[in-house]
C-alpha cells in the first residue's frame, strides 16, 4: 500500500515511494498530548507542561493509513480518540534520508532548519502552542490554521480534550471580533510562515494531510 501524493516536491515524493517501507512501525501520539513544546495548561498559562508527554502507540504505516482514511474523526470527537503521526526524534531518524530531498524554503538560515514530516487524517490536528519561527508546507490535503500574536492568548482552549475541529465549529463563531484568530487554509503546494512565539493550531481537513515543517533555530533569517 502506498500513499498517492500529487506531483509536488517531485524528488521528495519519488524517494517516498521508492524508500518508504509501509511495514515500518511508526510512533503515533495521542491527540490530547501531541504537543511536546510549550502548551496551554489548565491555569491558562503557556508553559512546559507535564501534560504534554507523548502517549505513544506503535502501528505499521499501512495500517495507520487504512485506519485514518476508513474511520475519520468526527467534528465532536475528543482529542483522546485521535492518533497522529507527529514529529519525534525516532521518526525523524527514519525520515532523514527522505527529507534531505526536500526543497527547503528560501531564507538566510533555512539550510540549517530542522525539518519534520507529519501525517494526519480528517479532523486531526495540533492544539494551540508556540515555539521558534518557521514554515509549513502541505504536500497533500488541506490544513486550516488559527494564529494569535504572542501577547494575545487564544480564548476557550483550556480543555485538552477539545479538538480543533470542535473549537473551529463551536467556539470561533461565538467569539467577539477582537478575539477571533488570524485564519487561513493551506492547500497542497502552498506554504505558511509562522512568526516566533505566535500561538498557532492546525486542523487537517482532507481524508489525510501530509506536510513538512521547517523550524528555524535563529529567527533573524531574512536578509535586510
C-alpha atoms as a PDB file:
ATOM      1  CA  UNK A   1       0.000   0.000   0.000  1.00  0.00           C
ATOM      2  CA  UNK A   2       1.366   3.386  -0.989  1.00  0.00           C
ATOM      3  CA  UNK A   3       0.372   6.966  -0.401  1.00  0.00           C
ATOM      4  CA  UNK A   4      -0.855   8.629  -3.556  1.00  0.00           C
ATOM      5  CA  UNK A   5       0.587  12.130  -3.463  1.00  0.00           C
ATOM      6  CA  UNK A   6       0.408  14.862  -6.094  1.00  0.00           C
ATOM      7  CA  UNK A   7       3.407  15.883  -8.162  1.00  0.00           C
ATOM      8  CA  UNK A   8       4.829  18.431  -5.724  1.00  0.00           C
ATOM      9  CA  UNK A   9       8.376  18.427  -4.412  1.00  0.00           C
ATOM     10  CA  UNK A  10       8.935  15.723  -7.029  1.00  0.00           C
ATOM     11  CA  UNK A  11      12.275  14.424  -5.762  1.00  0.00           C
ATOM     12  CA  UNK A  12      10.918  14.069  -2.264  1.00  0.00           C
ATOM     13  CA  UNK A  13       7.829  12.189  -3.359  1.00  0.00           C
ATOM     14  CA  UNK A  14       9.740   9.849  -5.650  1.00  0.00           C
ATOM     15  CA  UNK A  15      12.038   8.949  -2.764  1.00  0.00           C
ATOM     16  CA  UNK A  16       8.980   8.440  -0.582  1.00  0.00           C
ATOM     17  CA  UNK A  17       7.546   5.860  -2.975  1.00  0.00           C
ATOM     18  CA  UNK A  18      10.863   4.066  -3.518  1.00  0.00           C
ATOM     19  CA  UNK A  19      12.260   4.035   0.026  1.00  0.00           C
ATOM     20  CA  UNK A  20       9.341   4.118   2.436  1.00  0.00           C
ATOM     21  CA  UNK A  21       8.556   0.718   3.915  1.00  0.00           C
ATOM     22  CA  UNK A  22       4.867   0.562   4.847  1.00  0.00           C
ATOM     23  CA  UNK A  23       5.630  -2.302   7.214  1.00  0.00           C
ATOM     24  CA  UNK A  24       7.820   0.015   9.310  1.00  0.00           C
ATOM     25  CA  UNK A  25       6.133   0.616  12.660  1.00  0.00           C
ATOM     26  CA  UNK A  26       5.642   4.324  13.177  1.00  0.00           C
ATOM     27  CA  UNK A  27       5.030   6.010  16.519  1.00  0.00           C
ATOM     28  CA  UNK A  28       1.710   7.809  16.845  1.00  0.00           C
ATOM     29  CA  UNK A  29       0.938  10.222  19.642  1.00  0.00           C
ATOM     30  CA  UNK A  30      -2.427  10.662  21.259  1.00  0.00           C
ATOM     31  CA  UNK A  31      -4.162  13.853  20.169  1.00  0.00           C
ATOM     32  CA  UNK A  32      -4.619  15.185  23.674  1.00  0.00           C
ATOM     33  CA  UNK A  33      -0.850  15.063  24.200  1.00  0.00           C
ATOM     34  CA  UNK A  34       0.539  15.762  20.738  1.00  0.00           C
ATOM     35  CA  UNK A  35       2.419  18.961  21.512  1.00  0.00           C
ATOM     36  CA  UNK A  36       5.750  18.388  23.211  1.00  0.00           C
ATOM     37  CA  UNK A  37       6.616  22.091  23.265  1.00  0.00           C
ATOM     38  CA  UNK A  38       5.048  24.935  25.212  1.00  0.00           C
ATOM     39  CA  UNK A  39       1.368  24.147  25.619  1.00  0.00           C
ATOM     40  CA  UNK A  40      -1.673  25.569  27.304  1.00  0.00           C
ATOM     41  CA  UNK A  41      -2.083  24.261  30.843  1.00  0.00           C
ATOM     42  CA  UNK A  42      -5.239  24.347  32.920  1.00  0.00           C
ATOM     43  CA  UNK A  43      -4.314  27.656  34.560  1.00  0.00           C
ATOM     44  CA  UNK A  44      -4.339  29.382  31.156  1.00  0.00           C
ATOM     45  CA  UNK A  45      -0.561  29.815  31.093  1.00  0.00           C
ATOM     46  CA  UNK A  46       1.636  28.593  28.270  1.00  0.00           C
ATOM     47  CA  UNK A  47       4.402  26.607  29.955  1.00  0.00           C
ATOM     48  CA  UNK A  48       6.405  23.426  29.618  1.00  0.00           C
ATOM     49  CA  UNK A  49       3.581  21.239  30.838  1.00  0.00           C
ATOM     50  CA  UNK A  50       3.867  17.742  32.285  1.00  0.00           C
ATOM     51  CA  UNK A  51       0.617  17.095  30.419  1.00  0.00           C
ATOM     52  CA  UNK A  52       2.498  17.380  27.155  1.00  0.00           C
ATOM     53  CA  UNK A  53       4.177  13.990  27.308  1.00  0.00           C
ATOM     54  CA  UNK A  54       3.667  11.637  24.404  1.00  0.00           C
ATOM     55  CA  UNK A  55       1.239   8.761  24.873  1.00  0.00           C
ATOM     56  CA  UNK A  56       2.513   6.520  22.132  1.00  0.00           C
ATOM     57  CA  UNK A  57       1.138   3.728  20.028  1.00  0.00           C
ATOM     58  CA  UNK A  58       3.055   1.600  17.542  1.00  0.00           C
ATOM     59  CA  UNK A  59       1.415   0.738  14.230  1.00  0.00           C
ATOM     60  CA  UNK A  60       2.523  -0.004  10.692  1.00  0.00           C
ATOM     61  CA  UNK A  61       2.229   2.874   8.278  1.00  0.00           C
ATOM     62  CA  UNK A  62      -0.089   0.813   6.065  1.00  0.00           C
ATOM     63  CA  UNK A  63      -2.457   0.135   8.965  1.00  0.00           C
ATOM     64  CA  UNK A  64      -2.370   3.783  10.021  1.00  0.00           C
ATOM     65  CA  UNK A  65      -3.253   4.983   6.517  1.00  0.00           C
ATOM     66  CA  UNK A  66      -6.085   2.459   6.281  1.00  0.00           C
ATOM     67  CA  UNK A  67      -7.400   3.397   9.719  1.00  0.00           C
ATOM     68  CA  UNK A  68      -7.408   7.153   9.281  1.00  0.00           C
ATOM     69  CA  UNK A  69      -8.962   7.059   5.802  1.00  0.00           C
ATOM     70  CA  UNK A  70     -11.666   4.490   6.617  1.00  0.00           C
ATOM     71  CA  UNK A  71     -12.626   5.809  10.069  1.00  0.00           C
ATOM     72  CA  UNK A  72     -12.185   9.591  10.085  1.00  0.00           C
ATOM     73  CA  UNK A  73     -12.709  11.554  13.269  1.00  0.00           C
ATOM     74  CA  UNK A  74     -15.962  13.383  13.742  1.00  0.00           C
ATOM     75  CA  UNK A  75     -16.131  17.092  14.471  1.00  0.00           C
ATOM     76  CA  UNK A  76     -17.278  16.410  18.036  1.00  0.00           C
ATOM     77  CA  UNK A  77     -14.790  13.636  18.802  1.00  0.00           C
ATOM     78  CA  UNK A  78     -12.423  14.421  21.657  1.00  0.00           C
ATOM     79  CA  UNK A  79      -8.666  14.544  21.148  1.00  0.00           C
ATOM     80  CA  UNK A  80      -8.026  11.363  23.124  1.00  0.00           C
ATOM     81  CA  UNK A  81      -9.619   9.487  20.213  1.00  0.00           C
ATOM     82  CA  UNK A  82      -7.097  10.957  17.772  1.00  0.00           C
ATOM     83  CA  UNK A  83      -3.802   9.344  16.787  1.00  0.00           C
ATOM     84  CA  UNK A  84      -1.363  11.423  14.807  1.00  0.00           C
ATOM     85  CA  UNK A  85       1.931  10.715  13.081  1.00  0.00           C
ATOM     86  CA  UNK A  86       3.749  13.669  14.556  1.00  0.00           C
ATOM     87  CA  UNK A  87       7.427  14.723  14.758  1.00  0.00           C
ATOM     88  CA  UNK A  88       9.656  12.908  17.222  1.00  0.00           C
ATOM     89  CA  UNK A  89      13.339  12.026  17.274  1.00  0.00           C
ATOM     90  CA  UNK A  90      12.942   8.344  16.367  1.00  0.00           C
ATOM     91  CA  UNK A  91      10.620   9.064  13.478  1.00  0.00           C
ATOM     92  CA  UNK A  92      12.904  11.734  12.077  1.00  0.00           C
ATOM     93  CA  UNK A  93      15.896   9.414  12.109  1.00  0.00           C
ATOM     94  CA  UNK A  94      13.900   7.200   9.765  1.00  0.00           C
ATOM     95  CA  UNK A  95      12.728  10.107   7.623  1.00  0.00           C
ATOM     96  CA  UNK A  96      16.194  11.662   7.418  1.00  0.00           C
ATOM     97  CA  UNK A  97      17.063  10.182   4.023  1.00  0.00           C
ATOM     98  CA  UNK A  98      13.674  11.227   2.715  1.00  0.00           C
ATOM     99  CA  UNK A  99      13.763  14.802   3.945  1.00  0.00           C
ATOM    100  CA  UNK A 100      17.221  15.506   2.544  1.00  0.00           C
ATOM    101  CA  UNK A 101      15.486  15.660  -0.851  1.00  0.00           C
ATOM    102  CA  UNK A 102      13.025  18.282   0.334  1.00  0.00           C
ATOM    103  CA  UNK A 103      13.319  21.690  -1.350  1.00  0.00           C
ATOM    104  CA  UNK A 104      13.628  23.972   1.646  1.00  0.00           C
ATOM    105  CA  UNK A 105      12.123  27.455   1.830  1.00  0.00           C
ATOM    106  CA  UNK A 106      14.385  30.250   0.662  1.00  0.00           C
ATOM    107  CA  UNK A 107      15.738  32.252   3.596  1.00  0.00           C
ATOM    108  CA  UNK A 108      19.139  33.069   5.067  1.00  0.00           C
ATOM    109  CA  UNK A 109      19.101  30.282   7.659  1.00  0.00           C
ATOM    110  CA  UNK A 110      16.790  27.762   6.032  1.00  0.00           C
ATOM    111  CA  UNK A 111      19.695  25.471   5.170  1.00  0.00           C
ATOM    112  CA  UNK A 112      20.022  24.820   8.915  1.00  0.00           C
ATOM    113  CA  UNK A 113      16.300  24.462   9.562  1.00  0.00           C
ATOM    114  CA  UNK A 114      15.027  21.416  11.433  1.00  0.00           C
ATOM    115  CA  UNK A 115      12.615  19.503   9.207  1.00  0.00           C
ATOM    116  CA  UNK A 116       9.623  17.499  10.406  1.00  0.00           C
ATOM    117  CA  UNK A 117       7.201  15.344   8.430  1.00  0.00           C
ATOM    118  CA  UNK A 118       3.642  14.940   9.737  1.00  0.00           C
ATOM    119  CA  UNK A 119       0.674  12.914   8.535  1.00  0.00           C
ATOM    120  CA  UNK A 120      -2.870  13.029   9.885  1.00  0.00           C
ATOM    121  CA  UNK A 121      -6.409  12.088   8.959  1.00  0.00           C
ATOM    122  CA  UNK A 122      -9.512  14.239   8.639  1.00  0.00           C
ATOM    123  CA  UNK A 123     -10.261  16.366  11.727  1.00  0.00           C
ATOM    124  CA  UNK A 124      -6.913  15.558  13.315  1.00  0.00           C
ATOM    125  CA  UNK A 125      -4.598  18.403  14.206  1.00  0.00           C
ATOM    126  CA  UNK A 126      -2.487  20.071  16.856  1.00  0.00           C
ATOM    127  CA  UNK A 127      -3.736  22.159  19.771  1.00  0.00           C
ATOM    128  CA  UNK A 128      -2.524  25.710  20.384  1.00  0.00           C
ATOM    129  CA  UNK A 129       1.175  26.019  21.164  1.00  0.00           C
ATOM    130  CA  UNK A 130       4.109  28.266  20.290  1.00  0.00           C
ATOM    131  CA  UNK A 131       7.808  27.897  19.517  1.00  0.00           C
ATOM    132  CA  UNK A 132      10.545  29.052  17.147  1.00  0.00           C
ATOM    133  CA  UNK A 133       9.562  30.562  13.779  1.00  0.00           C
ATOM    134  CA  UNK A 134       9.351  28.557  10.615  1.00  0.00           C
ATOM    135  CA  UNK A 135       7.440  27.416   7.581  1.00  0.00           C
ATOM    136  CA  UNK A 136       4.936  24.641   6.967  1.00  0.00           C
ATOM    137  CA  UNK A 137       4.178  23.257   3.502  1.00  0.00           C
ATOM    138  CA  UNK A 138       1.259  20.990   2.671  1.00  0.00           C
ATOM    139  CA  UNK A 139       2.161  18.193   0.249  1.00  0.00           C
ATOM    140  CA  UNK A 140      -1.284  16.615   0.138  1.00  0.00           C
ATOM    141  CA  UNK A 141      -4.649  17.612   1.541  1.00  0.00           C
ATOM    142  CA  UNK A 142      -5.557  20.861   3.282  1.00  0.00           C
ATOM    143  CA  UNK A 143      -4.649  22.282   6.680  1.00  0.00           C
ATOM    144  CA  UNK A 144      -6.618  25.013   8.431  1.00  0.00           C
ATOM    145  CA  UNK A 145      -4.573  27.332  10.646  1.00  0.00           C
ATOM    146  CA  UNK A 146      -5.525  29.630  13.510  1.00  0.00           C
ATOM    147  CA  UNK A 147      -2.938  32.068  14.883  1.00  0.00           C
ATOM    148  CA  UNK A 148      -2.695  34.658  17.641  1.00  0.00           C
ATOM    149  CA  UNK A 149       0.171  37.111  18.305  1.00  0.00           C
ATOM    150  CA  UNK A 150       2.393  36.452  21.341  1.00  0.00           C
ATOM    151  CA  UNK A 151       0.605  38.983  23.530  1.00  0.00           C
ATOM    152  CA  UNK A 152      -2.870  37.526  22.923  1.00  0.00           C
ATOM    153  CA  UNK A 153      -3.637  34.102  24.387  1.00  0.00           C
ATOM    154  CA  UNK A 154      -6.171  32.020  22.452  1.00  0.00           C
ATOM    155  CA  UNK A 155      -9.581  32.008  24.167  1.00  0.00           C
ATOM    156  CA  UNK A 156     -11.553  28.989  25.386  1.00  0.00           C
ATOM    157  CA  UNK A 157      -8.832  26.385  24.886  1.00  0.00           C
ATOM    158  CA  UNK A 158      -8.315  25.223  28.478  1.00  0.00           C
ATOM    159  CA  UNK A 159      -9.692  21.728  27.876  1.00  0.00           C
ATOM    160  CA  UNK A 160      -7.053  19.483  26.226  1.00  0.00           C
ATOM    161  CA  UNK A 161      -9.797  17.057  25.137  1.00  0.00           C
ATOM    162  CA  UNK A 162     -11.446  19.722  22.982  1.00  0.00           C
ATOM    163  CA  UNK A 163     -10.373  19.112  19.406  1.00  0.00           C
ATOM    164  CA  UNK A 164      -9.538  21.859  16.988  1.00  0.00           C
ATOM    165  CA  UNK A 165     -12.472  20.723  14.835  1.00  0.00           C
ATOM    166  CA  UNK A 166     -14.788  21.428  17.769  1.00  0.00           C
ATOM    167  CA  UNK A 167     -13.049  24.724  18.530  1.00  0.00           C
ATOM    168  CA  UNK A 168     -13.395  25.952  14.944  1.00  0.00           C
ATOM    169  CA  UNK A 169     -17.042  24.901  14.683  1.00  0.00           C
ATOM    170  CA  UNK A 170     -18.380  25.834  18.120  1.00  0.00           C
ATOM    171  CA  UNK A 171     -16.048  28.413  19.636  1.00  0.00           C
ATOM    172  CA  UNK A 172     -14.903  30.639  16.769  1.00  0.00           C
ATOM    173  CA  UNK A 173     -18.421  31.696  15.646  1.00  0.00           C
ATOM    174  CA  UNK A 174     -19.199  32.809  19.220  1.00  0.00           C
ATOM    175  CA  UNK A 175     -16.080  34.933  19.677  1.00  0.00           C
ATOM    176  CA  UNK A 176     -16.314  38.722  19.516  1.00  0.00           C
ATOM    177  CA  UNK A 177     -14.347  40.267  16.640  1.00  0.00           C
ATOM    178  CA  UNK A 178     -11.407  41.274  18.821  1.00  0.00           C
ATOM    179  CA  UNK A 179     -10.934  37.659  19.989  1.00  0.00           C
ATOM    180  CA  UNK A 180     -11.138  35.916  16.643  1.00  0.00           C
ATOM    181  CA  UNK A 181      -7.912  34.346  15.317  1.00  0.00           C
ATOM    182  CA  UNK A 182      -5.998  35.058  12.170  1.00  0.00           C
ATOM    183  CA  UNK A 183      -7.116  32.229   9.902  1.00  0.00           C
ATOM    184  CA  UNK A 184      -6.147  30.630   6.634  1.00  0.00           C
ATOM    185  CA  UNK A 185      -6.407  27.302   4.823  1.00  0.00           C
ATOM    186  CA  UNK A 186      -3.171  25.989   3.322  1.00  0.00           C
ATOM    187  CA  UNK A 187      -3.730  23.854   0.230  1.00  0.00           C
ATOM    188  CA  UNK A 188      -1.427  21.276  -1.322  1.00  0.00           C
ATOM    189  CA  UNK A 189       1.583  23.061  -2.807  1.00  0.00           C
ATOM    190  CA  UNK A 190       1.190  26.090  -0.526  1.00  0.00           C
ATOM    191  CA  UNK A 191       3.314  27.166   2.420  1.00  0.00           C
ATOM    192  CA  UNK A 192       2.691  29.285   5.507  1.00  0.00           C
ATOM    193  CA  UNK A 193       5.225  31.210   7.607  1.00  0.00           C
ATOM    194  CA  UNK A 194       4.577  31.319  11.369  1.00  0.00           C
ATOM    195  CA  UNK A 195       6.456  34.001  13.364  1.00  0.00           C
ATOM    196  CA  UNK A 196       8.350  33.299  16.563  1.00  0.00           C
ATOM    197  CA  UNK A 197       6.175  32.642  19.624  1.00  0.00           C
ATOM    198  CA  UNK A 198       2.907  33.169  17.790  1.00  0.00           C
ATOM    199  CA  UNK A 199       0.268  30.819  19.175  1.00  0.00           C
ATOM    200  CA  UNK A 200      -0.986  28.521  16.459  1.00  0.00           C
ATOM    201  CA  UNK A 201      -3.092  25.418  15.993  1.00  0.00           C
ATOM    202  CA  UNK A 202      -3.982  23.323  12.967  1.00  0.00           C
ATOM    203  CA  UNK A 203      -6.817  21.188  11.643  1.00  0.00           C
ATOM    204  CA  UNK A 204      -6.380  18.647   8.841  1.00  0.00           C
ATOM    205  CA  UNK A 205      -9.397  18.802   6.542  1.00  0.00           C
ATOM    206  CA  UNK A 206      -8.796  16.169   3.848  1.00  0.00           C
ATOM    207  CA  UNK A 207      -9.030  12.400   4.293  1.00  0.00           C
ATOM    208  CA  UNK A 208      -5.321  12.674   5.000  1.00  0.00           C
ATOM    209  CA  UNK A 209      -2.936  15.610   5.043  1.00  0.00           C
ATOM    210  CA  UNK A 210       0.826  15.293   4.637  1.00  0.00           C
ATOM    211  CA  UNK A 211       3.066  18.236   5.472  1.00  0.00           C
ATOM    212  CA  UNK A 212       6.680  19.218   6.079  1.00  0.00           C
ATOM    213  CA  UNK A 213       7.567  21.913   8.605  1.00  0.00           C
ATOM    214  CA  UNK A 214      10.862  23.810   8.703  1.00  0.00           C
ATOM    215  CA  UNK A 215      11.784  25.163  12.143  1.00  0.00           C
ATOM    216  CA  UNK A 216      14.318  27.992  12.137  1.00  0.00           C
ATOM    217  CA  UNK A 217      16.808  27.909  15.023  1.00  0.00           C
ATOM    218  CA  UNK A 218      17.764  31.558  14.518  1.00  0.00           C
ATOM    219  CA  UNK A 219      14.717  33.727  13.999  1.00  0.00           C
ATOM    220  CA  UNK A 220      16.717  36.507  12.283  1.00  0.00           C
ATOM    221  CA  UNK A 221      16.722  34.797   8.943  1.00  0.00           C
ATOM    222  CA  UNK A 222      15.600  37.336   6.340  1.00  0.00           C
ATOM    223  CA  UNK A 223      18.205  39.489   4.634  1.00  0.00           C
ATOM    224  CA  UNK A 224      17.561  43.159   5.365  1.00  0.00           C
END
